[in-house]
PDB file of N, CA and C in Angstrom:
ATOM      1  N   UNK A   1     -22.274  -0.582  -1.052  1.00  0.00           N
ATOM      2  CA  UNK A   1     -21.092  -0.614  -0.361  1.00  0.00           C
ATOM      3  C   UNK A   1     -20.310   0.380  -1.439  1.00  0.00           C
ATOM      4  N   UNK A   2     -19.386   1.879  -1.153  1.00  0.00           N
ATOM      5  CA  UNK A   2     -19.148   2.887  -2.051  1.00  0.00           C
ATOM      6  C   UNK A   2     -17.340   2.046  -1.613  1.00  0.00           C
ATOM      7  N   UNK A   3     -16.428   3.455  -2.684  1.00  0.00           N
ATOM      8  CA  UNK A   3     -15.438   3.089  -2.403  1.00  0.00           C
ATOM      9  C   UNK A   3     -14.725   4.299  -2.184  1.00  0.00           C
ATOM     10  N   UNK A   4     -13.811   4.308  -1.200  1.00  0.00           N
ATOM     11  CA  UNK A   4     -13.508   5.296  -0.323  1.00  0.00           C
ATOM     12  C   UNK A   4     -11.717   5.234  -1.218  1.00  0.00           C
ATOM     13  N   UNK A   5     -11.404   6.586  -1.924  1.00  0.00           N
ATOM     14  CA  UNK A   5      -9.857   6.808  -2.498  1.00  0.00           C
ATOM     15  C   UNK A   5      -8.854   6.937  -1.575  1.00  0.00           C
ATOM     16  N   UNK A   6      -7.571   7.449  -2.140  1.00  0.00           N
ATOM     17  CA  UNK A   6      -6.923   7.578  -0.999  1.00  0.00           C
ATOM     18  C   UNK A   6      -6.980   9.395  -1.109  1.00  0.00           C
ATOM     19  N   UNK A   7      -7.322   9.839  -2.068  1.00  0.00           N
ATOM     20  CA  UNK A   7      -7.748  10.838  -1.962  1.00  0.00           C
ATOM     21  C   UNK A   7      -8.325  11.329  -0.737  1.00  0.00           C
ATOM     22  N   UNK A   8      -9.734  10.457  -1.065  1.00  0.00           N
ATOM     23  CA  UNK A   8     -10.787  11.161   0.232  1.00  0.00           C
ATOM     24  C   UNK A   8     -10.567  11.066   1.339  1.00  0.00           C
ATOM     25  N   UNK A   9      -9.424   9.883   1.782  1.00  0.00           N
ATOM     26  CA  UNK A   9      -8.872   9.590   3.114  1.00  0.00           C
ATOM     27  C   UNK A   9      -7.672  10.843   3.464  1.00  0.00           C
ATOM     28  N   UNK A  10      -7.314  11.318   2.215  1.00  0.00           N
ATOM     29  CA  UNK A  10      -6.106  12.599   2.754  1.00  0.00           C
ATOM     30  C   UNK A  10      -7.167  14.046   3.333  1.00  0.00           C
ATOM     31  N   UNK A  11      -7.970  13.811   2.218  1.00  0.00           N
ATOM     32  CA  UNK A  11      -8.838  15.034   2.637  1.00  0.00           C
ATOM     33  C   UNK A  11      -9.905  15.154   4.049  1.00  0.00           C
ATOM     34  N   UNK A  12     -10.076  13.819   4.718  1.00  0.00           N
ATOM     35  CA  UNK A  12     -10.603  13.727   5.413  1.00  0.00           C
ATOM     36  C   UNK A  12      -9.740  13.701   6.873  1.00  0.00           C
ATOM     37  N   UNK A  13      -8.211  13.335   6.337  1.00  0.00           N
ATOM     38  CA  UNK A  13      -7.300  13.335   7.819  1.00  0.00           C
ATOM     39  C   UNK A  13      -7.000  14.760   7.765  1.00  0.00           C
ATOM     40  N   UNK A  14      -6.725  15.435   6.688  1.00  0.00           N
ATOM     41  CA  UNK A  14      -6.400  17.078   6.451  1.00  0.00           C
ATOM     42  C   UNK A  14      -7.537  18.180   7.381  1.00  0.00           C
ATOM     43  N   UNK A  15      -8.651  17.451   6.889  1.00  0.00           N
ATOM     44  CA  UNK A  15      -9.558  18.494   8.194  1.00  0.00           C
ATOM     45  C   UNK A  15      -9.508  17.853   9.439  1.00  0.00           C
ATOM     46  N   UNK A  16      -9.968  16.748   9.798  1.00  0.00           N
ATOM     47  CA  UNK A  16      -9.795  16.463  10.875  1.00  0.00           C
ATOM     48  C   UNK A  16      -8.182  16.729  12.254  1.00  0.00           C
ATOM     49  N   UNK A  17      -6.988  16.924  11.242  1.00  0.00           N
ATOM     50  CA  UNK A  17      -6.156  17.557  12.160  1.00  0.00           C
ATOM     51  C   UNK A  17      -5.260  18.678  11.604  1.00  0.00           C
ATOM     52  N   UNK A  18      -6.653  19.379  10.691  1.00  0.00           N
ATOM     53  CA  UNK A  18      -6.164  20.455  10.419  1.00  0.00           C
ATOM     54  C   UNK A  18      -4.855  20.890   9.688  1.00  0.00           C
ATOM     55  N   UNK A  19      -4.006  20.083   9.252  1.00  0.00           N
ATOM     56  CA  UNK A  19      -2.603  19.934   8.562  1.00  0.00           C
ATOM     57  C   UNK A  19      -3.379  20.604   6.971  1.00  0.00           C
ATOM     58  N   UNK A  20      -2.149  21.163   6.535  1.00  0.00           N
ATOM     59  CA  UNK A  20      -2.888  21.468   5.028  1.00  0.00           C
ATOM     60  C   UNK A  20      -2.305  19.846   4.092  1.00  0.00           C
ATOM     61  N   UNK A  21      -3.718  19.796   2.930  1.00  0.00           N
ATOM     62  CA  UNK A  21      -4.043  18.710   2.033  1.00  0.00           C
ATOM     63  C   UNK A  21      -2.471  18.186   1.444  1.00  0.00           C
ATOM     64  N   UNK A  22      -1.291  19.305   0.912  1.00  0.00           N
ATOM     65  CA  UNK A  22      -0.260  18.155   0.408  1.00  0.00           C
ATOM     66  C   UNK A  22       0.947  18.115   1.703  1.00  0.00           C
ATOM     67  N   UNK A  23       0.833  18.593   2.940  1.00  0.00           N
ATOM     68  CA  UNK A  23       1.259  17.747   3.672  1.00  0.00           C
ATOM     69  C   UNK A  23       1.031  16.649   4.307  1.00  0.00           C
ATOM     70  N   UNK A  24      -0.505  16.399   4.668  1.00  0.00           N
ATOM     71  CA  UNK A  24      -1.000  15.052   4.382  1.00  0.00           C
ATOM     72  C   UNK A  24      -1.028  13.761   3.624  1.00  0.00           C
ATOM     73  N   UNK A  25      -1.095  14.535   2.135  1.00  0.00           N
ATOM     74  CA  UNK A  25      -0.308  13.473   1.219  1.00  0.00           C
ATOM     75  C   UNK A  25       0.718  13.022   1.123  1.00  0.00           C
ATOM     76  N   UNK A  26       1.662  13.737   1.282  1.00  0.00           N
ATOM     77  CA  UNK A  26       3.024  13.395   1.600  1.00  0.00           C
ATOM     78  C   UNK A  26       3.127  12.607   2.805  1.00  0.00           C
ATOM     79  N   UNK A  27       2.575  12.557   4.071  1.00  0.00           N
ATOM     80  CA  UNK A  27       2.488  11.429   4.825  1.00  0.00           C
ATOM     81  C   UNK A  27       1.910  10.136   4.621  1.00  0.00           C
ATOM     82  N   UNK A  28       0.972  10.487   3.990  1.00  0.00           N
ATOM     83  CA  UNK A  28       0.471   9.058   3.782  1.00  0.00           C
ATOM     84  C   UNK A  28       1.253   8.591   2.726  1.00  0.00           C
ATOM     85  N   UNK A  29       1.220   8.693   1.648  1.00  0.00           N
ATOM     86  CA  UNK A  29       2.386   8.315   0.743  1.00  0.00           C
ATOM     87  C   UNK A  29       3.665   7.807   1.197  1.00  0.00           C
ATOM     88  N   UNK A  30       3.979   8.553   2.196  1.00  0.00           N
ATOM     89  CA  UNK A  30       5.460   7.990   2.608  1.00  0.00           C
ATOM     90  C   UNK A  30       5.511   6.389   3.708  1.00  0.00           C
ATOM     91  N   UNK A  31       4.237   6.731   4.513  1.00  0.00           N
ATOM     92  CA  UNK A  31       3.427   5.509   4.676  1.00  0.00           C
ATOM     93  C   UNK A  31       3.163   4.498   4.003  1.00  0.00           C
ATOM     94  N   UNK A  32       2.843   4.660   3.196  1.00  0.00           N
ATOM     95  CA  UNK A  32       2.448   3.622   2.461  1.00  0.00           C
ATOM     96  C   UNK A  32       3.721   3.649   0.755  1.00  0.00           C
ATOM     97  N   UNK A  33       4.490   4.315   0.887  1.00  0.00           N
ATOM     98  CA  UNK A  33       5.777   3.668   0.242  1.00  0.00           C
ATOM     99  C   UNK A  33       6.665   2.978   1.531  1.00  0.00           C
ATOM    100  N   UNK A  34       6.670   3.044   2.725  1.00  0.00           N
ATOM    101  CA  UNK A  34       7.409   2.293   3.603  1.00  0.00           C
ATOM    102  C   UNK A  34       6.601   1.101   3.885  1.00  0.00           C
ATOM    103  N   UNK A  35       5.596   0.568   3.752  1.00  0.00           N
ATOM    104  CA  UNK A  35       4.552  -0.382   3.572  1.00  0.00           C
ATOM    105  C   UNK A  35       5.216  -1.470   2.485  1.00  0.00           C
ATOM    106  N   UNK A  36       5.297  -0.527   1.473  1.00  0.00           N
ATOM    107  CA  UNK A  36       5.058  -1.754   0.225  1.00  0.00           C
ATOM    108  C   UNK A  36       7.151  -2.328   0.279  1.00  0.00           C
ATOM    109  N   UNK A  37       7.822  -1.023   1.052  1.00  0.00           N
ATOM    110  CA  UNK A  37       9.232  -1.627   0.777  1.00  0.00           C
ATOM    111  C   UNK A  37       9.910  -2.462   1.624  1.00  0.00           C
ATOM    112  N   UNK A  38       9.055  -2.451   2.974  1.00  0.00           N
ATOM    113  CA  UNK A  38       8.611  -3.562   4.246  1.00  0.00           C
ATOM    114  C   UNK A  38       8.587  -4.683   3.499  1.00  0.00           C
ATOM    115  N   UNK A  39       7.835  -5.008   3.325  1.00  0.00           N
ATOM    116  CA  UNK A  39       6.957  -5.897   2.451  1.00  0.00           C
ATOM    117  C   UNK A  39       7.883  -6.622   1.463  1.00  0.00           C
ATOM    118  N   UNK A  40       8.689  -5.730   0.746  1.00  0.00           N
ATOM    119  CA  UNK A  40       9.277  -6.573  -0.532  1.00  0.00           C
ATOM    120  C   UNK A  40      10.052  -6.593   0.050  1.00  0.00           C
ATOM    121  N   UNK A  41      10.537  -6.539   1.351  1.00  0.00           N
ATOM    122  CA  UNK A  41      12.329  -7.003   2.080  1.00  0.00           C
ATOM    123  C   UNK A  41      11.919  -8.627   2.608  1.00  0.00           C
ATOM    124  N   UNK A  42      10.406  -8.842   2.652  1.00  0.00           N
ATOM    125  CA  UNK A  42      10.003 -10.063   3.173  1.00  0.00           C
ATOM    126  C   UNK A  42       9.543  -9.914   4.683  1.00  0.00           C
ATOM    127  N   UNK A  43       9.288  -8.707   4.841  1.00  0.00           N
ATOM    128  CA  UNK A  43       8.878  -8.479   6.347  1.00  0.00           C
ATOM    129  C   UNK A  43       7.446  -8.847   6.339  1.00  0.00           C
ATOM    130  N   UNK A  44       7.180  -8.914   7.996  1.00  0.00           N
ATOM    131  CA  UNK A  44       5.741  -8.693   7.814  1.00  0.00           C
ATOM    132  C   UNK A  44       5.511  -7.758   9.020  1.00  0.00           C
ATOM    133  N   UNK A  45       4.364  -7.164   8.761  1.00  0.00           N
ATOM    134  CA  UNK A  45       4.062  -5.570   9.064  1.00  0.00           C
ATOM    135  C   UNK A  45       2.730  -6.367  10.466  1.00  0.00           C
ATOM    136  N   UNK A  46       3.018  -5.205  11.340  1.00  0.00           N
ATOM    137  CA  UNK A  46       1.988  -5.374  12.496  1.00  0.00           C
ATOM    138  C   UNK A  46       1.270  -4.802  13.339  1.00  0.00           C
ATOM    139  N   UNK A  47      -0.149  -4.072  13.358  1.00  0.00           N
ATOM    140  CA  UNK A  47      -0.156  -2.968  13.810  1.00  0.00           C
ATOM    141  C   UNK A  47      -1.380  -3.307  14.226  1.00  0.00           C
ATOM    142  N   UNK A  48      -1.424  -3.374  15.569  1.00  0.00           N
ATOM    143  CA  UNK A  48      -1.768  -3.942  17.037  1.00  0.00           C
ATOM    144  C   UNK A  48      -3.553  -3.758  16.872  1.00  0.00           C
ATOM    145  N   UNK A  49      -4.225  -4.785  17.190  1.00  0.00           N
ATOM    146  CA  UNK A  49      -5.652  -4.801  17.302  1.00  0.00           C
ATOM    147  C   UNK A  49      -6.477  -4.380  15.722  1.00  0.00           C
ATOM    148  N   UNK A  50      -5.425  -3.800  14.320  1.00  0.00           N
ATOM    149  CA  UNK A  50      -6.040  -3.669  13.059  1.00  0.00           C
ATOM    150  C   UNK A  50      -5.945  -4.883  12.774  1.00  0.00           C
ATOM    151  N   UNK A  51      -4.285  -5.052  11.988  1.00  0.00           N
ATOM    152  CA  UNK A  51      -3.993  -6.421  11.919  1.00  0.00           C
ATOM    153  C   UNK A  51      -3.200  -6.841  11.339  1.00  0.00           C
ATOM    154  N   UNK A  52      -2.648  -7.744  10.122  1.00  0.00           N
ATOM    155  CA  UNK A  52      -1.086  -8.249  10.084  1.00  0.00           C
ATOM    156  C   UNK A  52      -1.035  -8.461   8.633  1.00  0.00           C
ATOM    157  N   UNK A  53       0.344  -7.698   7.887  1.00  0.00           N
ATOM    158  CA  UNK A  53       0.187  -8.097   6.466  1.00  0.00           C
ATOM    159  C   UNK A  53       1.835  -9.077   6.566  1.00  0.00           C
ATOM    160  N   UNK A  54       1.249 -10.244   5.785  1.00  0.00           N
ATOM    161  CA  UNK A  54       2.628 -10.802   5.827  1.00  0.00           C
ATOM    162  C   UNK A  54       3.037 -11.682   4.324  1.00  0.00           C
ATOM    163  N   UNK A  55       3.688 -11.781   4.073  1.00  0.00           N
ATOM    164  CA  UNK A  55       4.460 -11.947   2.906  1.00  0.00           C
ATOM    165  C   UNK A  55       4.646 -13.891   2.197  1.00  0.00           C
ATOM    166  N   UNK A  56       3.681 -14.125   2.149  1.00  0.00           N
ATOM    167  CA  UNK A  56       3.714 -15.590   1.612  1.00  0.00           C
ATOM    168  C   UNK A  56       3.816 -15.755   0.242  1.00  0.00           C
ATOM    169  N   UNK A  57       4.659 -16.953   0.045  1.00  0.00           N
ATOM    170  CA  UNK A  57       4.855 -17.219  -1.255  1.00  0.00           C
ATOM    171  C   UNK A  57       3.777 -18.816  -1.114  1.00  0.00           C
ATOM    172  N   UNK A  58       3.859 -18.432  -2.932  1.00  0.00           N
ATOM    173  CA  UNK A  58       2.739 -19.809  -3.407  1.00  0.00           C
ATOM    174  C   UNK A  58       3.882 -20.513  -4.338  1.00  0.00           C
ATOM    175  N   UNK A  59       3.635 -21.994  -4.432  1.00  0.00           N
ATOM    176  CA  UNK A  59       4.530 -22.710  -4.570  1.00  0.00           C
ATOM    177  C   UNK A  59       3.944 -22.665  -6.160  1.00  0.00           C
ATOM    178  N   UNK A  60       5.318 -23.905  -7.268  1.00  0.00           N
ATOM    179  CA  UNK A  60       4.689 -23.574  -8.400  1.00  0.00           C
ATOM    180  C   UNK A  60       3.936 -24.738  -8.591  1.00  0.00           C
ATOM    181  N   UNK A  61       3.215 -24.727  -9.807  1.00  0.00           N
ATOM    182  CA  UNK A  61       2.240 -25.440 -10.089  1.00  0.00           C
ATOM    183  C   UNK A  61       2.070 -25.265 -11.237  1.00  0.00           C
ATOM    184  N   UNK A  62       1.237 -26.780 -11.756  1.00  0.00           N
ATOM    185  CA  UNK A  62       0.727 -26.911 -12.981  1.00  0.00           C
ATOM    186  C   UNK A  62      -0.371 -26.332 -13.248  1.00  0.00           C
ATOM    187  N   UNK A  63      -0.709 -25.657 -14.347  1.00  0.00           N
ATOM    188  CA  UNK A  63      -2.119 -25.389 -14.309  1.00  0.00           C
ATOM    189  C   UNK A  63      -3.452 -25.735 -15.813  1.00  0.00           C
ATOM    190  N   UNK A  64      -3.752 -24.971 -16.302  1.00  0.00           N
ATOM    191  CA  UNK A  64      -4.774 -24.886 -17.868  1.00  0.00           C
ATOM    192  C   UNK A  64      -4.981 -24.373 -18.210  1.00  0.00           C
ATOM    193  N   UNK A  65      -4.535 -23.737 -19.429  1.00  0.00           N
ATOM    194  CA  UNK A  65      -5.257 -22.800 -20.110  1.00  0.00           C
ATOM    195  C   UNK A  65      -6.993 -22.955 -20.299  1.00  0.00           C
ATOM    196  N   UNK A  66      -7.961 -22.390 -20.078  1.00  0.00           N
ATOM    197  CA  UNK A  66      -9.303 -22.923 -20.435  1.00  0.00           C
ATOM    198  C   UNK A  66      -9.550 -22.714 -21.987  1.00  0.00           C
ATOM    199  N   UNK A  67      -8.796 -22.162 -22.727  1.00  0.00           N
ATOM    200  CA  UNK A  67      -8.673 -21.996 -24.274  1.00  0.00           C
ATOM    201  C   UNK A  67      -8.812 -23.081 -24.347  1.00  0.00           C
ATOM    202  N   UNK A  68      -7.460 -22.988 -24.244  1.00  0.00           N
ATOM    203  CA  UNK A  68      -6.725 -24.286 -25.353  1.00  0.00           C
ATOM    204  C   UNK A  68      -6.769 -25.220 -24.701  1.00  0.00           C
ATOM    205  N   UNK A  69      -6.986 -25.865 -23.390  1.00  0.00           N
ATOM    206  CA  UNK A  69      -6.837 -26.755 -22.387  1.00  0.00           C
ATOM    207  C   UNK A  69      -5.229 -27.081 -22.932  1.00  0.00           C
ATOM    208  N   UNK A  70      -4.075 -26.363 -23.009  1.00  0.00           N
ATOM    209  CA  UNK A  70      -3.110 -26.843 -22.907  1.00  0.00           C
ATOM    210  C   UNK A  70      -2.478 -26.523 -21.607  1.00  0.00           C
ATOM    211  N   UNK A  71      -1.717 -27.390 -21.283  1.00  0.00           N
ATOM    212  CA  UNK A  71      -1.102 -27.424 -19.608  1.00  0.00           C
ATOM    213  C   UNK A  71      -0.023 -26.773 -19.524  1.00  0.00           C
ATOM    214  N   UNK A  72       0.002 -25.660 -18.613  1.00  0.00           N
ATOM    215  CA  UNK A  72       1.370 -24.623 -18.412  1.00  0.00           C
ATOM    216  C   UNK A  72       1.319 -24.623 -17.105  1.00  0.00           C
ATOM    217  N   UNK A  73       2.844 -24.465 -16.808  1.00  0.00           N
ATOM    218  CA  UNK A  73       3.762 -23.706 -15.690  1.00  0.00           C
ATOM    219  C   UNK A  73       3.890 -22.365 -15.077  1.00  0.00           C
ATOM    220  N   UNK A  74       3.064 -22.981 -13.823  1.00  0.00           N
ATOM    221  CA  UNK A  74       2.948 -21.513 -13.032  1.00  0.00           C
ATOM    222  C   UNK A  74       3.839 -21.184 -12.127  1.00  0.00           C
ATOM    223  N   UNK A  75       4.789 -20.110 -12.297  1.00  0.00           N
ATOM    224  CA  UNK A  75       6.271 -20.303 -11.482  1.00  0.00           C
ATOM    225  C   UNK A  75       5.492 -19.966 -10.174  1.00  0.00           C
ATOM    226  N   UNK A  76       6.489 -20.203  -9.067  1.00  0.00           N
ATOM    227  CA  UNK A  76       6.377 -19.549  -7.709  1.00  0.00           C
ATOM    228  C   UNK A  76       5.944 -18.289  -7.780  1.00  0.00           C
ATOM    229  N   UNK A  77       5.289 -17.493  -6.653  1.00  0.00           N
ATOM    230  CA  UNK A  77       4.977 -16.129  -6.821  1.00  0.00           C
ATOM    231  C   UNK A  77       4.926 -15.860  -5.563  1.00  0.00           C
ATOM    232  N   UNK A  78       5.165 -14.491  -5.055  1.00  0.00           N
ATOM    233  CA  UNK A  78       4.784 -13.987  -3.563  1.00  0.00           C
ATOM    234  C   UNK A  78       3.603 -12.932  -3.584  1.00  0.00           C
ATOM    235  N   UNK A  79       2.474 -13.247  -2.503  1.00  0.00           N
ATOM    236  CA  UNK A  79       1.596 -12.015  -2.099  1.00  0.00           C
ATOM    237  C   UNK A  79       2.014 -11.721  -1.136  1.00  0.00           C
ATOM    238  N   UNK A  80       0.254 -11.181  -0.517  1.00  0.00           N
ATOM    239  CA  UNK A  80       0.312 -10.259   0.491  1.00  0.00           C
ATOM    240  C   UNK A  80      -0.890 -11.127   1.321  1.00  0.00           C
ATOM    241  N   UNK A  81      -0.645 -11.577   2.157  1.00  0.00           N
ATOM    242  CA  UNK A  81      -1.951 -12.304   3.236  1.00  0.00           C
ATOM    243  C   UNK A  81      -2.216 -11.164   4.291  1.00  0.00           C
ATOM    244  N   UNK A  82      -3.189 -10.815   4.352  1.00  0.00           N
ATOM    245  CA  UNK A  82      -3.636  -9.870   5.582  1.00  0.00           C
ATOM    246  C   UNK A  82      -4.704 -10.876   7.067  1.00  0.00           C
ATOM    247  N   UNK A  83      -4.296 -10.527   7.787  1.00  0.00           N
ATOM    248  CA  UNK A  83      -4.822 -11.186   8.881  1.00  0.00           C
ATOM    249  C   UNK A  83      -5.326 -10.186   9.771  1.00  0.00           C
ATOM    250  N   UNK A  84      -6.764 -10.548  10.121  1.00  0.00           N
ATOM    251  CA  UNK A  84      -7.597  -9.183  10.245  1.00  0.00           C
ATOM    252  C   UNK A  84      -7.442  -9.152  12.355  1.00  0.00           C
ATOM    253  N   UNK A  85      -7.354  -7.889  12.712  1.00  0.00           N
ATOM    254  CA  UNK A  85      -7.018  -7.524  14.011  1.00  0.00           C
ATOM    255  C   UNK A  85      -8.143  -7.341  14.679  1.00  0.00           C
ATOM    256  N   UNK A  86      -7.870  -7.683  16.335  1.00  0.00           N
ATOM    257  CA  UNK A  86      -9.391  -8.224  16.928  1.00  0.00           C
ATOM    258  C   UNK A  86     -10.197  -6.498  17.011  1.00  0.00           C
ATOM    259  N   UNK A  87      -9.878  -5.289  16.637  1.00  0.00           N
ATOM    260  CA  UNK A  87     -10.540  -3.951  16.670  1.00  0.00           C
ATOM    261  C   UNK A  87     -10.951  -4.114  15.530  1.00  0.00           C
ATOM    262  N   UNK A  88     -10.659  -4.611  14.284  1.00  0.00           N
ATOM    263  CA  UNK A  88     -11.418  -4.073  13.167  1.00  0.00           C
ATOM    264  C   UNK A  88     -12.202  -5.745  12.935  1.00  0.00           C
ATOM    265  N   UNK A  89     -11.928  -6.265  13.345  1.00  0.00           N
ATOM    266  CA  UNK A  89     -12.939  -7.362  13.081  1.00  0.00           C
ATOM    267  C   UNK A  89     -14.315  -7.201  13.890  1.00  0.00           C
ATOM    268  N   UNK A  90     -13.858  -6.514  15.250  1.00  0.00           N
ATOM    269  CA  UNK A  90     -14.997  -6.439  16.243  1.00  0.00           C
ATOM    270  C   UNK A  90     -15.784  -5.234  15.207  1.00  0.00           C
ATOM    271  N   UNK A  91     -15.106  -4.396  14.821  1.00  0.00           N
ATOM    272  CA  UNK A  91     -15.914  -2.963  14.336  1.00  0.00           C
ATOM    273  C   UNK A  91     -16.702  -3.529  13.001  1.00  0.00           C
ATOM    274  N   UNK A  92     -16.062  -4.831  12.392  1.00  0.00           N
ATOM    275  CA  UNK A  92     -16.728  -4.936  10.795  1.00  0.00           C
ATOM    276  C   UNK A  92     -18.292  -6.052  11.650  1.00  0.00           C
ATOM    277  N   UNK A  93     -17.765  -6.813  12.732  1.00  0.00           N
ATOM    278  CA  UNK A  93     -19.028  -7.580  12.985  1.00  0.00           C
ATOM    279  C   UNK A  93     -20.402  -6.520  13.862  1.00  0.00           C
ATOM    280  N   UNK A  94     -19.502  -5.678  14.512  1.00  0.00           N
ATOM    281  CA  UNK A  94     -20.858  -4.956  14.946  1.00  0.00           C
ATOM    282  C   UNK A  94     -21.211  -3.585  13.737  1.00  0.00           C
ATOM    283  N   UNK A  95     -20.384  -3.704  12.591  1.00  0.00           N
ATOM    284  CA  UNK A  95     -21.247  -2.733  11.399  1.00  0.00           C
ATOM    285  C   UNK A  95     -22.525  -4.148  10.941  1.00  0.00           C
ATOM    286  N   UNK A  96     -21.981  -4.891  11.086  1.00  0.00           N
ATOM    287  CA  UNK A  96     -22.740  -6.644  10.408  1.00  0.00           C
ATOM    288  C   UNK A  96     -23.847  -6.234  10.917  1.00  0.00           C
ATOM    289  N   UNK A  97     -24.118  -6.554  12.059  1.00  0.00           N
ATOM    290  CA  UNK A  97     -25.582  -6.457  13.161  1.00  0.00           C
ATOM    291  C   UNK A  97     -26.078  -5.400  12.734  1.00  0.00           C
ATOM    292  N   UNK A  98     -25.623  -4.422  12.563  1.00  0.00           N
ATOM    293  CA  UNK A  98     -26.373  -3.183  12.747  1.00  0.00           C
ATOM    294  C   UNK A  98     -27.168  -3.265  10.961  1.00  0.00           C
ATOM    295  N   UNK A  99     -26.789  -4.189  10.418  1.00  0.00           N
ATOM    296  CA  UNK A  99     -27.021  -4.099   8.867  1.00  0.00           C
ATOM    297  C   UNK A  99     -28.868  -3.920   8.748  1.00  0.00           C
ATOM    298  N   UNK A 100     -29.693  -3.797   7.779  1.00  0.00           N
ATOM    299  CA  UNK A 100     -30.381  -3.923   7.971  1.00  0.00           C
ATOM    300  C   UNK A 100     -30.980  -5.055   7.126  1.00  0.00           C
ATOM    301  N   UNK A 101     -32.023  -5.979   7.244  1.00  0.00           N
ATOM    302  CA  UNK A 101     -32.309  -7.746   7.223  1.00  0.00           C
ATOM    303  C   UNK A 101     -32.553  -7.499   6.222  1.00  0.00           C
ATOM    304  N   UNK A 102     -32.235  -8.553   4.898  1.00  0.00           N
ATOM    305  CA  UNK A 102     -32.204  -8.542   3.290  1.00  0.00           C
ATOM    306  C   UNK A 102     -33.794  -8.501   3.879  1.00  0.00           C
ATOM    307  N   UNK A 103     -34.595  -8.327   2.486  1.00  0.00           N
ATOM    308  CA  UNK A 103     -35.916  -9.232   2.190  1.00  0.00           C
ATOM    309  C   UNK A 103     -35.670 -10.351   1.440  1.00  0.00           C
ATOM    310  N   UNK A 104     -36.475 -11.710   2.104  1.00  0.00           N
ATOM    311  CA  UNK A 104     -36.410 -12.709   1.357  1.00  0.00           C
ATOM    312  C   UNK A 104     -37.046 -12.214   0.125  1.00  0.00           C
ATOM    313  N   UNK A 105     -36.608 -13.288  -0.936  1.00  0.00           N
ATOM    314  CA  UNK A 105     -36.930 -13.085  -1.965  1.00  0.00           C
ATOM    315  C   UNK A 105     -38.240 -14.414  -2.143  1.00  0.00           C
ATOM    316  N   UNK A 106     -39.530 -14.256  -3.664  1.00  0.00           N
ATOM    317  CA  UNK A 106     -40.414 -14.954  -3.533  1.00  0.00           C
ATOM    318  C   UNK A 106     -39.796 -16.100  -4.133  1.00  0.00           C
ATOM    319  N   UNK A 107     -40.250 -17.428  -3.766  1.00  0.00           N
ATOM    320  CA  UNK A 107     -39.868 -18.427  -4.519  1.00  0.00           C
ATOM    321  C   UNK A 107     -40.293 -18.447  -6.069  1.00  0.00           C
ATOM    322  N   UNK A 108     -39.745 -18.833  -6.841  1.00  0.00           N
ATOM    323  CA  UNK A 108     -39.801 -18.871  -8.123  1.00  0.00           C
ATOM    324  C   UNK A 108     -40.605 -20.267  -8.195  1.00  0.00           C
ATOM    325  N   UNK A 109     -41.707 -19.880  -9.084  1.00  0.00           N
ATOM    326  CA  UNK A 109     -42.761 -20.953  -9.652  1.00  0.00           C
ATOM    327  C   UNK A 109     -42.197 -21.967 -10.371  1.00  0.00           C
ATOM    328  N   UNK A 110     -42.232 -22.967 -10.720  1.00  0.00           N
ATOM    329  CA  UNK A 110     -41.636 -24.463 -11.864  1.00  0.00           C
ATOM    330  C   UNK A 110     -42.691 -23.934 -13.106  1.00  0.00           C
ATOM    331  N   UNK A 111     -41.983 -24.264 -14.191  1.00  0.00           N
ATOM    332  CA  UNK A 111     -42.568 -23.509 -15.886  1.00  0.00           C
ATOM    333  C   UNK A 111     -43.795 -24.875 -15.233  1.00  0.00           C
ATOM    334  N   UNK A 112     -44.026 -25.563 -14.612  1.00  0.00           N
ATOM    335  CA  UNK A 112     -45.339 -26.494 -14.627  1.00  0.00           C
ATOM    336  C   UNK A 112     -46.677 -25.502 -14.003  1.00  0.00           C
ATOM    337  N   UNK A 113     -46.230 -25.124 -12.610  1.00  0.00           N
ATOM    338  CA  UNK A 113     -46.718 -24.211 -12.110  1.00  0.00           C
ATOM    339  C   UNK A 113     -47.454 -23.282 -13.179  1.00  0.00           C
ATOM    340  N   UNK A 114     -46.549 -22.335 -13.760  1.00  0.00           N
ATOM    341  CA  UNK A 114     -46.953 -21.038 -14.271  1.00  0.00           C
ATOM    342  C   UNK A 114     -47.605 -21.649 -15.609  1.00  0.00           C
ATOM    343  N   UNK A 115     -47.751 -23.160 -16.145  1.00  0.00           N
ATOM    344  CA  UNK A 115     -48.460 -23.271 -17.376  1.00  0.00           C
ATOM    345  C   UNK A 115     -49.354 -23.779 -16.934  1.00  0.00           C
ATOM    346  N   UNK A 116     -49.679 -23.878 -15.670  1.00  0.00           N
ATOM    347  CA  UNK A 116     -50.947 -24.351 -15.005  1.00  0.00           C
ATOM    348  C   UNK A 116     -52.098 -23.096 -14.655  1.00  0.00           C
ATOM    349  N   UNK A 117     -51.158 -21.860 -14.398  1.00  0.00           N
ATOM    350  CA  UNK A 117     -52.103 -21.148 -14.202  1.00  0.00           C
ATOM    351  C   UNK A 117     -52.922 -20.554 -15.109  1.00  0.00           C
TER     352      UNK A 117
END
């Protein structure tokens, strides 16, 4: 698995559309800025067949610092949930069915079996 950056996507879109890279970069950045603004307002973003971005609020809770074991209060927090759409799900399912089969690892011998050899 590799990481695809915004720069790589911008270069690819510029090549596919014949647009200049600075123009594509500005459009992509405006699109992302608008997504952030809509989510900040608490709005739901729906891209048919791709997926839905939705703001959810996590409830306040009590947690524990693992180092000191001290109880701490965690305030409520807003986060973004993404629900996969039909075409994206089908594309991912299709890709996973074409992935090479995993090679099965040999079972490890127990210490007693290793000593007996």
